Amino acid sequence: MTQAGSVVADGDLRLFVALTLPEPVLDGLARWSESELSTGRRIGRSDLHVTIAFLGRRPRTDLPAVLDAVEAVGSGASPFLLEPLRWRETRSVGMVVLADPSGEAVRLARELHTRLEDAGLYRREARQWLPHVTVLRFRERPRLHPSLPPIGAFAPSGLAAFLSRLHPSGARYEVLESVPLDRMRLRG
């Protein structure tokens, strides 16, 4: 596990766990976003990820258990690929939904959800987890119909615990610890 950030303030932490994306995928999504998404607030390249579990505000004392779950699930992950499947908009975000042909990303998410629930850190959502990358935020649904990003199938680069800091210009994310999944790179 690698540490990429530190937390120095006392109090609650706004946490989530996500898959990190390899550099070429980040580059491809950023280029695509600039050319295809003409309205709303595009998510910056450095903030693109695949959220698995949003934990919300948690006491600082919960952080070790979150990191333990990330380590356990990430180190035992089986190889898998994700690939762009379709565009989807909700009332406030636009996303690229990802196909999970092997079902391994969904299995990883279920295992992480179970570990976090068992530790009393998370309540699973009623709807099934949907692998996706949020690329756009908006106040009014723009009803866009962009082409899919030309990034092809890819293996995520890591499983990470993130700290989310709210700012007037939007949330800023910091990787607290990450389990590299580079060993999972597959030819697609």
N, C-alpha and C. Protein backbone atom coordinates (compact mmCIF):
# COMPACT_ATOMS: atom_id res chain seq x y z
N MET A 1 0.86 -1.17 0.00
CA MET A 1 0.00 0.00 0.00
C MET A 1 0.90 1.22 0.00
N THR A 2 0.50 2.22 -0.77
CA THR A 2 1.28 3.45 -0.82
C THR A 2 0.50 4.58 -0.19
N GLN A 3 1.21 5.51 0.44
CA GLN A 3 0.60 6.70 1.02
C GLN A 3 0.90 7.87 0.10
N ALA A 4 -0.14 8.57 -0.33
CA ALA A 4 0.05 9.72 -1.20
C ALA A 4 -0.36 11.02 -0.52
N GLY A 5 -0.98 10.94 0.62
CA GLY A 5 -1.44 12.15 1.28
C GLY A 5 -1.38 12.00 2.78
N SER A 6 -1.54 13.08 3.46
CA SER A 6 -1.58 13.05 4.91
C SER A 6 -2.74 13.91 5.38
N VAL A 7 -3.19 13.65 6.57
CA VAL A 7 -4.29 14.41 7.15
C VAL A 7 -3.75 15.01 8.43
N VAL A 8 -3.90 16.32 8.59
CA VAL A 8 -3.32 16.96 9.77
C VAL A 8 -4.35 17.57 10.71
N ALA A 9 -5.52 17.91 10.22
CA ALA A 9 -6.52 18.57 11.07
C ALA A 9 -7.28 17.54 11.90
N ASP A 10 -7.80 17.98 13.05
CA ASP A 10 -8.63 17.12 13.87
C ASP A 10 -10.06 17.15 13.35
N GLY A 11 -10.87 16.23 13.87
CA GLY A 11 -12.29 16.23 13.51
C GLY A 11 -12.64 15.17 12.51
N ASP A 12 -13.82 15.33 11.93
CA ASP A 12 -14.33 14.37 10.97
C ASP A 12 -13.63 14.50 9.62
N LEU A 13 -13.62 13.39 8.90
CA LEU A 13 -13.06 13.34 7.56
C LEU A 13 -14.17 12.96 6.60
N ARG A 14 -14.19 13.55 5.43
CA ARG A 14 -15.16 13.19 4.39
C ARG A 14 -14.43 12.20 3.48
N LEU A 15 -14.85 10.93 3.52
CA LEU A 15 -14.10 9.84 2.90
C LEU A 15 -14.89 9.11 1.82
N PHE A 16 -14.16 8.56 0.86
CA PHE A 16 -14.73 7.61 -0.08
C PHE A 16 -13.64 6.68 -0.57
N VAL A 17 -14.06 5.56 -1.16
CA VAL A 17 -13.13 4.58 -1.72
C VAL A 17 -13.44 4.46 -3.20
N ALA A 18 -12.39 4.45 -4.02
CA ALA A 18 -12.59 4.43 -5.47
C ALA A 18 -11.46 3.70 -6.17
N LEU A 19 -11.73 3.31 -7.41
CA LEU A 19 -10.70 2.81 -8.30
C LEU A 19 -10.03 4.01 -8.94
N THR A 20 -8.71 4.00 -8.97
CA THR A 20 -7.98 5.04 -9.68
C THR A 20 -7.76 4.59 -11.11
N LEU A 21 -7.54 5.56 -11.99
CA LEU A 21 -7.45 5.28 -13.42
C LEU A 21 -6.02 5.48 -13.92
N PRO A 22 -5.59 4.64 -14.87
CA PRO A 22 -4.24 4.80 -15.42
C PRO A 22 -4.10 6.12 -16.20
N GLU A 23 -2.89 6.61 -16.27
CA GLU A 23 -2.60 7.90 -16.92
C GLU A 23 -3.19 8.00 -18.33
N PRO A 24 -3.02 7.00 -19.21
CA PRO A 24 -3.58 7.14 -20.56
C PRO A 24 -5.11 7.28 -20.55
N VAL A 25 -5.79 6.65 -19.60
CA VAL A 25 -7.25 6.77 -19.50
C VAL A 25 -7.61 8.17 -19.02
N LEU A 26 -6.88 8.68 -18.04
CA LEU A 26 -7.11 10.06 -17.58
C LEU A 26 -6.92 11.05 -18.72
N ASP A 27 -5.84 10.87 -19.49
CA ASP A 27 -5.58 11.75 -20.63
C ASP A 27 -6.71 11.67 -21.65
N GLY A 28 -7.13 10.45 -21.99
CA GLY A 28 -8.19 10.26 -22.97
C GLY A 28 -9.52 10.85 -22.53
N LEU A 29 -9.87 10.66 -21.27
CA LEU A 29 -11.12 11.21 -20.75
C LEU A 29 -11.08 12.74 -20.74
N ALA A 30 -9.94 13.31 -20.37
CA ALA A 30 -9.81 14.77 -20.34
C ALA A 30 -9.94 15.36 -21.74
N ARG A 31 -9.27 14.77 -22.73
CA ARG A 31 -9.37 15.25 -24.12
C ARG A 31 -10.81 15.13 -24.63
N TRP A 32 -11.42 13.98 -24.39
CA TRP A 32 -12.80 13.74 -24.82
C TRP A 32 -13.75 14.74 -24.16
N SER A 33 -13.59 14.95 -22.88
CA SER A 33 -14.45 15.86 -22.13
C SER A 33 -14.39 17.27 -22.73
N GLU A 34 -13.20 17.72 -23.04
CA GLU A 34 -13.05 19.07 -23.60
C GLU A 34 -13.72 19.21 -24.95
N SER A 35 -13.70 18.14 -25.75
CA SER A 35 -14.28 18.24 -27.09
C SER A 35 -15.77 17.91 -27.13
N GLU A 36 -16.27 17.11 -26.19
CA GLU A 36 -17.66 16.62 -26.26
C GLU A 36 -18.62 17.28 -25.27
N LEU A 37 -18.11 17.80 -24.18
CA LEU A 37 -19.00 18.32 -23.12
C LEU A 37 -18.93 19.84 -23.09
N SER A 38 -19.94 20.46 -23.66
CA SER A 38 -19.91 21.91 -23.88
C SER A 38 -20.64 22.72 -22.82
N THR A 39 -21.22 22.08 -21.84
CA THR A 39 -21.99 22.78 -20.83
C THR A 39 -21.69 22.20 -19.46
N GLY A 40 -22.04 22.89 -18.40
CA GLY A 40 -21.80 22.37 -17.05
C GLY A 40 -20.36 22.55 -16.62
N ARG A 41 -20.02 21.94 -15.49
CA ARG A 41 -18.66 22.01 -14.95
C ARG A 41 -17.99 20.66 -15.14
N ARG A 42 -17.02 20.63 -16.06
CA ARG A 42 -16.29 19.38 -16.31
C ARG A 42 -15.43 19.04 -15.10
N ILE A 43 -15.35 17.76 -14.80
CA ILE A 43 -14.49 17.29 -13.71
C ILE A 43 -13.06 17.28 -14.24
N GLY A 44 -12.16 17.84 -13.46
CA GLY A 44 -10.76 17.91 -13.87
C GLY A 44 -10.10 16.54 -13.95
N ARG A 45 -9.11 16.44 -14.79
CA ARG A 45 -8.38 15.20 -15.03
C ARG A 45 -7.96 14.53 -13.73
N SER A 46 -7.40 15.30 -12.80
CA SER A 46 -6.86 14.72 -11.57
C SER A 46 -7.94 14.21 -10.62
N ASP A 47 -9.20 14.57 -10.86
CA ASP A 47 -10.29 14.15 -9.98
C ASP A 47 -11.14 13.02 -10.55
N LEU A 48 -10.78 12.50 -11.71
CA LEU A 48 -11.54 11.41 -12.32
C LEU A 48 -11.22 10.08 -11.62
N HIS A 49 -12.24 9.30 -11.32
CA HIS A 49 -12.09 8.03 -10.62
C HIS A 49 -13.40 7.25 -10.74
N VAL A 50 -13.42 6.03 -10.26
CA VAL A 50 -14.62 5.20 -10.22
C VAL A 50 -14.96 4.96 -8.75
N THR A 51 -15.93 5.71 -8.23
CA THR A 51 -16.31 5.59 -6.82
C THR A 51 -16.94 4.23 -6.56
N ILE A 52 -16.50 3.58 -5.49
CA ILE A 52 -17.10 2.31 -5.08
C ILE A 52 -17.96 2.52 -3.84
N ALA A 53 -17.48 3.33 -2.90
CA ALA A 53 -18.24 3.55 -1.67
C ALA A 53 -17.98 4.96 -1.15
N PHE A 54 -19.04 5.75 -1.05
CA PHE A 54 -18.93 7.07 -0.44
C PHE A 54 -19.30 6.92 1.03
N LEU A 55 -18.36 7.20 1.91
CA LEU A 55 -18.56 7.00 3.34
C LEU A 55 -19.08 8.25 4.03
N GLY A 56 -18.92 9.40 3.40
CA GLY A 56 -19.36 10.64 4.00
C GLY A 56 -18.46 11.04 5.16
N ARG A 57 -18.99 11.83 6.05
CA ARG A 57 -18.21 12.30 7.20
C ARG A 57 -18.05 11.17 8.21
N ARG A 58 -16.81 10.89 8.52
CA ARG A 58 -16.48 9.83 9.47
C ARG A 58 -15.50 10.38 10.49
N PRO A 59 -15.59 9.91 11.74
CA PRO A 59 -14.58 10.32 12.73
C PRO A 59 -13.20 9.86 12.28
N ARG A 60 -12.21 10.67 12.60
CA ARG A 60 -10.82 10.34 12.25
C ARG A 60 -10.43 8.94 12.74
N THR A 61 -11.02 8.51 13.85
CA THR A 61 -10.69 7.20 14.41
C THR A 61 -11.14 6.05 13.51
N ASP A 62 -12.03 6.30 12.55
CA ASP A 62 -12.46 5.26 11.61
C ASP A 62 -11.47 5.02 10.48
N LEU A 63 -10.56 5.95 10.26
CA LEU A 63 -9.65 5.85 9.12
C LEU A 63 -8.85 4.55 9.08
N PRO A 64 -8.26 4.08 10.17
CA PRO A 64 -7.50 2.82 10.08
C PRO A 64 -8.35 1.64 9.58
N ALA A 65 -9.59 1.56 9.99
CA ALA A 65 -10.46 0.46 9.53
C ALA A 65 -10.77 0.60 8.05
N VAL A 66 -10.95 1.83 7.57
CA VAL A 66 -11.18 2.06 6.14
C VAL A 66 -9.95 1.62 5.35
N LEU A 67 -8.78 2.02 5.82
CA LEU A 67 -7.54 1.66 5.14
C LEU A 67 -7.30 0.15 5.16
N ASP A 68 -7.65 -0.50 6.26
CA ASP A 68 -7.53 -1.97 6.34
C ASP A 68 -8.42 -2.64 5.30
N ALA A 69 -9.64 -2.13 5.13
CA ALA A 69 -10.57 -2.71 4.14
C ALA A 69 -10.02 -2.52 2.73
N VAL A 70 -9.47 -1.35 2.43
CA VAL A 70 -8.89 -1.08 1.11
C VAL A 70 -7.73 -2.04 0.85
N GLU A 71 -6.87 -2.20 1.84
CA GLU A 71 -5.71 -3.11 1.70
C GLU A 71 -6.17 -4.55 1.47
N ALA A 72 -7.10 -5.02 2.28
CA ALA A 72 -7.55 -6.41 2.17
C ALA A 72 -8.22 -6.68 0.83
N VAL A 73 -9.11 -5.81 0.42
CA VAL A 73 -9.83 -6.03 -0.83
C VAL A 73 -8.91 -5.81 -2.03
N GLY A 74 -8.12 -4.76 -2.00
CA GLY A 74 -7.23 -4.47 -3.12
C GLY A 74 -6.16 -5.52 -3.33
N SER A 75 -5.58 -6.01 -2.25
CA SER A 75 -4.51 -6.99 -2.39
C SER A 75 -5.03 -8.35 -2.86
N GLY A 76 -6.31 -8.61 -2.67
CA GLY A 76 -6.88 -9.88 -3.11
C GLY A 76 -7.66 -9.79 -4.41
N ALA A 77 -7.59 -8.65 -5.10
CA ALA A 77 -8.39 -8.43 -6.31
C ALA A 77 -7.94 -9.32 -7.46
N SER A 78 -8.92 -9.85 -8.17
CA SER A 78 -8.66 -10.59 -9.40
C SER A 78 -8.60 -9.62 -10.57
N PRO A 79 -7.89 -9.97 -11.62
CA PRO A 79 -7.79 -9.06 -12.78
C PRO A 79 -9.15 -8.80 -13.41
N PHE A 80 -9.34 -7.57 -13.88
CA PHE A 80 -10.55 -7.24 -14.64
C PHE A 80 -10.31 -6.01 -15.50
N LEU A 81 -11.14 -5.91 -16.53
CA LEU A 81 -11.13 -4.75 -17.41
C LEU A 81 -12.47 -4.05 -17.34
N LEU A 82 -12.43 -2.76 -17.52
CA LEU A 82 -13.63 -1.93 -17.65
C LEU A 82 -13.55 -1.26 -19.02
N GLU A 83 -14.72 -0.91 -19.57
CA GLU A 83 -14.71 -0.19 -20.84
C GLU A 83 -15.96 0.66 -20.97
N PRO A 84 -15.86 1.79 -21.68
CA PRO A 84 -17.02 2.67 -21.84
C PRO A 84 -18.19 1.91 -22.46
N LEU A 85 -19.37 2.09 -21.87
CA LEU A 85 -20.58 1.40 -22.33
C LEU A 85 -21.63 2.38 -22.85
N ARG A 86 -21.89 3.45 -22.06
CA ARG A 86 -22.92 4.40 -22.46
C ARG A 86 -22.80 5.69 -21.65
N TRP A 87 -23.47 6.73 -22.14
CA TRP A 87 -23.56 8.01 -21.45
C TRP A 87 -24.82 7.98 -20.58
N ARG A 88 -24.74 8.58 -19.39
CA ARG A 88 -25.91 8.65 -18.52
C ARG A 88 -25.89 9.98 -17.78
N GLU A 89 -27.07 10.58 -17.64
CA GLU A 89 -27.22 11.80 -16.86
C GLU A 89 -28.21 11.55 -15.74
N THR A 90 -27.89 12.08 -14.57
CA THR A 90 -28.84 12.13 -13.47
C THR A 90 -29.28 13.59 -13.35
N ARG A 91 -29.92 13.95 -12.27
CA ARG A 91 -30.37 15.34 -12.14
C ARG A 91 -29.21 16.32 -11.97
N SER A 92 -28.02 15.84 -11.57
CA SER A 92 -26.94 16.79 -11.34
C SER A 92 -25.57 16.39 -11.91
N VAL A 93 -25.45 15.20 -12.46
CA VAL A 93 -24.16 14.77 -13.01
C VAL A 93 -24.32 14.03 -14.32
N GLY A 94 -23.25 14.12 -15.13
CA GLY A 94 -23.12 13.31 -16.34
C GLY A 94 -22.00 12.32 -16.13
N MET A 95 -22.19 11.10 -16.62
CA MET A 95 -21.21 10.05 -16.37
C MET A 95 -21.03 9.14 -17.57
N VAL A 96 -19.87 8.52 -17.62
CA VAL A 96 -19.61 7.45 -18.57
C VAL A 96 -19.78 6.16 -17.78
N VAL A 97 -20.82 5.41 -18.13
CA VAL A 97 -21.06 4.12 -17.49
C VAL A 97 -20.08 3.12 -18.10
N LEU A 98 -19.52 2.28 -17.27
CA LEU A 98 -18.50 1.32 -17.70
C LEU A 98 -19.03 -0.10 -17.68
N ALA A 99 -18.72 -0.85 -18.73
CA ALA A 99 -19.03 -2.27 -18.77
C ALA A 99 -18.00 -3.01 -17.94
N ASP A 100 -18.44 -4.06 -17.29
CA ASP A 100 -17.59 -4.93 -16.46
C ASP A 100 -17.81 -6.36 -16.96
N PRO A 101 -17.24 -6.70 -18.14
CA PRO A 101 -17.56 -7.98 -18.78
C PRO A 101 -17.33 -9.21 -17.90
N SER A 102 -16.31 -9.19 -17.07
CA SER A 102 -16.00 -10.36 -16.23
C SER A 102 -16.83 -10.39 -14.95
N GLY A 103 -17.39 -9.26 -14.57
CA GLY A 103 -18.11 -9.16 -13.30
C GLY A 103 -17.20 -8.99 -12.09
N GLU A 104 -15.90 -8.92 -12.31
CA GLU A 104 -14.95 -8.83 -11.21
C GLU A 104 -14.97 -7.47 -10.51
N ALA A 105 -15.26 -6.40 -11.24
CA ALA A 105 -15.36 -5.09 -10.58
C ALA A 105 -16.54 -5.08 -9.62
N VAL A 106 -17.67 -5.67 -10.05
CA VAL A 106 -18.85 -5.75 -9.18
C VAL A 106 -18.54 -6.62 -7.97
N ARG A 107 -17.82 -7.71 -8.17
CA ARG A 107 -17.44 -8.58 -7.06
C ARG A 107 -16.56 -7.83 -6.07
N LEU A 108 -15.58 -7.07 -6.58
CA LEU A 108 -14.71 -6.28 -5.72
C LEU A 108 -15.53 -5.27 -4.93
N ALA A 109 -16.47 -4.59 -5.60
CA ALA A 109 -17.30 -3.60 -4.91
C ALA A 109 -18.13 -4.26 -3.81
N ARG A 110 -18.72 -5.42 -4.10
CA ARG A 110 -19.51 -6.11 -3.08
C ARG A 110 -18.66 -6.49 -1.87
N GLU A 111 -17.45 -6.98 -2.14
CA GLU A 111 -16.56 -7.37 -1.04
C GLU A 111 -16.19 -6.15 -0.20
N LEU A 112 -15.88 -5.04 -0.85
CA LEU A 112 -15.55 -3.83 -0.12
C LEU A 112 -16.75 -3.34 0.69
N HIS A 113 -17.93 -3.32 0.06
CA HIS A 113 -19.14 -2.89 0.78
C HIS A 113 -19.37 -3.76 2.02
N THR A 114 -19.22 -5.07 1.87
CA THR A 114 -19.44 -5.98 3.00
C THR A 114 -18.45 -5.71 4.12
N ARG A 115 -17.17 -5.55 3.78
CA ARG A 115 -16.15 -5.28 4.82
C ARG A 115 -16.44 -3.97 5.55
N LEU A 116 -16.80 -2.95 4.78
CA LEU A 116 -17.08 -1.66 5.40
C LEU A 116 -18.36 -1.70 6.24
N GLU A 117 -19.37 -2.43 5.78
CA GLU A 117 -20.61 -2.59 6.56
C GLU A 117 -20.34 -3.35 7.84
N ASP A 118 -19.58 -4.45 7.73
CA ASP A 118 -19.27 -5.25 8.91
C ASP A 118 -18.51 -4.45 9.97
N ALA A 119 -17.75 -3.47 9.51
CA ALA A 119 -16.99 -2.61 10.44
C ALA A 119 -17.83 -1.43 10.93
N GLY A 120 -19.09 -1.35 10.47
CA GLY A 120 -19.97 -0.27 10.89
C GLY A 120 -19.64 1.08 10.25
N LEU A 121 -18.98 1.05 9.09
CA LEU A 121 -18.51 2.27 8.44
C LEU A 121 -19.34 2.70 7.24
N TYR A 122 -20.27 1.86 6.82
CA TYR A 122 -20.94 2.10 5.54
C TYR A 122 -22.31 1.46 5.56
N ARG A 123 -23.23 2.09 4.89
CA ARG A 123 -24.55 1.50 4.66
C ARG A 123 -24.72 1.38 3.15
N ARG A 124 -24.88 0.15 2.69
CA ARG A 124 -25.01 -0.11 1.26
C ARG A 124 -26.25 0.59 0.70
N GLU A 125 -26.11 1.14 -0.50
CA GLU A 125 -27.23 1.78 -1.16
C GLU A 125 -28.23 0.73 -1.63
N ALA A 126 -29.48 1.13 -1.76
CA ALA A 126 -30.53 0.20 -2.19
C ALA A 126 -30.30 -0.25 -3.63
N ARG A 127 -29.84 0.66 -4.46
CA ARG A 127 -29.60 0.28 -5.86
C ARG A 127 -28.25 -0.41 -6.00
N GLN A 128 -28.14 -1.24 -7.01
CA GLN A 128 -26.90 -1.97 -7.26
C GLN A 128 -25.81 -1.00 -7.71
N TRP A 129 -24.58 -1.26 -7.29
CA TRP A 129 -23.45 -0.43 -7.68
C TRP A 129 -23.28 -0.47 -9.19
N LEU A 130 -23.04 0.69 -9.77
CA LEU A 130 -22.86 0.84 -11.21
C LEU A 130 -21.49 1.44 -11.47
N PRO A 131 -20.59 0.68 -12.10
CA PRO A 131 -19.27 1.26 -12.37
C PRO A 131 -19.40 2.42 -13.37
N HIS A 132 -18.86 3.58 -12.99
CA HIS A 132 -18.95 4.75 -13.85
C HIS A 132 -17.91 5.79 -13.43
N VAL A 133 -17.64 6.70 -14.35
CA VAL A 133 -16.78 7.84 -14.09
C VAL A 133 -17.63 9.09 -14.26
N THR A 134 -17.80 9.86 -13.20
CA THR A 134 -18.51 11.13 -13.29
C THR A 134 -17.57 12.12 -13.96
N VAL A 135 -18.04 12.73 -15.05
CA VAL A 135 -17.21 13.64 -15.83
C VAL A 135 -17.76 15.06 -15.91
N LEU A 136 -19.03 15.25 -15.45
CA LEU A 136 -19.67 16.54 -15.59
C LEU A 136 -20.65 16.77 -14.44
N ARG A 137 -20.68 18.01 -13.94
CA ARG A 137 -21.68 18.41 -12.94
C ARG A 137 -22.45 19.59 -13.52
N PHE A 138 -23.74 19.67 -13.18
CA PHE A 138 -24.56 20.74 -13.71
C PHE A 138 -25.73 21.01 -12.78
N ARG A 139 -26.31 22.20 -12.93
CA ARG A 139 -27.51 22.57 -12.16
C ARG A 139 -28.77 22.16 -12.90
N GLU A 140 -28.74 22.30 -14.22
CA GLU A 140 -29.87 21.91 -15.05
C GLU A 140 -29.42 20.82 -16.00
N ARG A 141 -30.17 19.76 -16.07
CA ARG A 141 -29.81 18.63 -16.91
C ARG A 141 -29.71 19.06 -18.38
N PRO A 142 -28.52 18.90 -18.99
CA PRO A 142 -28.34 19.39 -20.36
C PRO A 142 -28.87 18.45 -21.46
N ARG A 143 -29.12 17.20 -21.10
CA ARG A 143 -29.59 16.20 -22.06
C ARG A 143 -28.64 16.09 -23.25
N LEU A 144 -27.39 15.87 -22.93
CA LEU A 144 -26.35 15.70 -23.94
C LEU A 144 -26.41 14.30 -24.54
N HIS A 145 -25.82 14.15 -25.70
CA HIS A 145 -25.71 12.85 -26.36
C HIS A 145 -24.31 12.71 -26.95
N PRO A 146 -23.29 12.76 -26.09
CA PRO A 146 -21.92 12.71 -26.61
C PRO A 146 -21.56 11.30 -27.10
N SER A 147 -20.58 11.25 -27.98
CA SER A 147 -20.02 9.96 -28.35
C SER A 147 -19.30 9.40 -27.12
N LEU A 148 -19.00 8.13 -27.14
CA LEU A 148 -18.25 7.55 -26.02
C LEU A 148 -16.78 7.92 -26.14
N PRO A 149 -16.10 8.06 -25.00
CA PRO A 149 -14.67 8.40 -25.06
C PRO A 149 -13.88 7.25 -25.70
N PRO A 150 -12.94 7.57 -26.57
CA PRO A 150 -12.16 6.54 -27.27
C PRO A 150 -10.99 6.03 -26.44
N ILE A 151 -11.30 5.47 -25.28
CA ILE A 151 -10.23 5.01 -24.38
C ILE A 151 -10.08 3.49 -24.40
N GLY A 152 -11.02 2.77 -24.96
CA GLY A 152 -10.94 1.32 -25.02
C GLY A 152 -11.05 0.68 -23.64
N ALA A 153 -10.83 -0.62 -23.61
CA ALA A 153 -10.87 -1.37 -22.36
C ALA A 153 -9.59 -1.08 -21.56
N PHE A 154 -9.73 -1.03 -20.25
CA PHE A 154 -8.58 -0.72 -19.40
C PHE A 154 -8.72 -1.41 -18.05
N ALA A 155 -7.59 -1.65 -17.43
CA ALA A 155 -7.56 -2.14 -16.04
C ALA A 155 -7.32 -0.94 -15.14
N PRO A 156 -8.06 -0.81 -14.05
CA PRO A 156 -7.80 0.31 -13.13
C PRO A 156 -6.39 0.19 -12.56
N SER A 157 -5.82 1.33 -12.17
CA SER A 157 -4.45 1.31 -11.67
C SER A 157 -4.36 1.09 -10.17
N GLY A 158 -5.45 1.31 -9.42
CA GLY A 158 -5.38 1.11 -7.99
C GLY A 158 -6.74 1.17 -7.33
N LEU A 159 -6.77 0.76 -6.08
CA LEU A 159 -7.92 0.91 -5.21
C LEU A 159 -7.45 1.83 -4.10
N ALA A 160 -8.18 2.93 -3.88
CA ALA A 160 -7.68 3.96 -2.98
C ALA A 160 -8.75 4.49 -2.04
N ALA A 161 -8.30 4.89 -0.86
CA ALA A 161 -9.12 5.67 0.08
C ALA A 161 -8.82 7.12 -0.19
N PHE A 162 -9.88 7.92 -0.37
CA PHE A 162 -9.75 9.33 -0.69
C PHE A 162 -10.32 10.19 0.43
N LEU A 163 -9.72 11.36 0.59
CA LEU A 163 -10.25 12.42 1.42
C LEU A 163 -10.87 13.44 0.47
N SER A 164 -12.08 13.86 0.75
CA SER A 164 -12.77 14.87 -0.06
C SER A 164 -12.87 16.15 0.75
N ARG A 165 -12.33 17.23 0.20
CA ARG A 165 -12.40 18.53 0.85
C ARG A 165 -13.32 19.43 0.02
N LEU A 166 -14.34 19.97 0.66
CA LEU A 166 -15.29 20.82 -0.05
C LEU A 166 -14.73 22.23 -0.20
N HIS A 167 -14.89 22.79 -1.41
CA HIS A 167 -14.46 24.15 -1.74
C HIS A 167 -15.55 24.79 -2.58
N PRO A 168 -15.60 26.12 -2.60
CA PRO A 168 -16.62 26.80 -3.42
C PRO A 168 -16.57 26.39 -4.90
N SER A 169 -15.39 26.09 -5.40
CA SER A 169 -15.25 25.70 -6.81
C SER A 169 -15.50 24.21 -7.04
N GLY A 170 -15.81 23.48 -6.00
CA GLY A 170 -16.05 22.03 -6.11
C GLY A 170 -15.14 21.26 -5.19
N ALA A 171 -15.48 20.01 -4.97
CA ALA A 171 -14.69 19.17 -4.07
C ALA A 171 -13.30 18.93 -4.65
N ARG A 172 -12.34 18.80 -3.75
CA ARG A 172 -10.97 18.44 -4.13
C ARG A 172 -10.64 17.13 -3.43
N TYR A 173 -10.03 16.23 -4.16
CA TYR A 173 -9.78 14.89 -3.66
C TYR A 173 -8.30 14.66 -3.43
N GLU A 174 -8.02 13.93 -2.36
CA GLU A 174 -6.65 13.59 -2.02
C GLU A 174 -6.59 12.10 -1.71
N VAL A 175 -5.70 11.37 -2.38
CA VAL A 175 -5.51 9.96 -2.09
C VAL A 175 -4.80 9.84 -0.75
N LEU A 176 -5.42 9.12 0.19
CA LEU A 176 -4.79 8.91 1.49
C LEU A 176 -3.89 7.69 1.45
N GLU A 177 -4.40 6.60 0.92
CA GLU A 177 -3.59 5.40 0.70
C GLU A 177 -4.17 4.65 -0.48
N SER A 178 -3.29 3.94 -1.17
CA SER A 178 -3.69 3.23 -2.38
C SER A 178 -3.02 1.87 -2.46
N VAL A 179 -3.77 0.91 -2.96
CA VAL A 179 -3.21 -0.41 -3.27
C VAL A 179 -3.05 -0.45 -4.78
N PRO A 180 -1.82 -0.52 -5.28
CA PRO A 180 -1.63 -0.56 -6.74
C PRO A 180 -2.25 -1.82 -7.33
N LEU A 181 -2.89 -1.65 -8.47
CA LEU A 181 -3.47 -2.79 -9.18
C LEU A 181 -2.78 -2.96 -10.53
N ASP A 182 -1.57 -2.43 -10.66
CA ASP A 182 -0.84 -2.52 -11.93
C ASP A 182 -0.65 -3.96 -12.38
N ARG A 183 -0.56 -4.85 -11.43
CA ARG A 183 -0.39 -6.25 -11.76
C ARG A 183 -1.59 -6.78 -12.54
N MET A 184 -2.68 -6.01 -12.49
CA MET A 184 -3.91 -6.45 -13.14
C MET A 184 -3.97 -6.03 -14.61
N ARG A 185 -2.99 -5.29 -15.10
CA ARG A 185 -3.07 -4.84 -16.49
C ARG A 185 -3.19 -6.04 -17.41
N LEU A 186 -4.17 -5.97 -18.27
CA LEU A 186 -4.45 -7.05 -19.21
C LEU A 186 -4.44 -6.50 -20.62
N ARG A 187 -4.24 -7.35 -21.56
CA ARG A 187 -4.37 -6.94 -22.96
C ARG A 187 -5.84 -7.08 -23.34
N GLY A 188 -6.45 -6.00 -23.83
CA GLY A 188 -7.87 -6.01 -24.13
C GLY A 188 -8.19 -6.16 -25.53
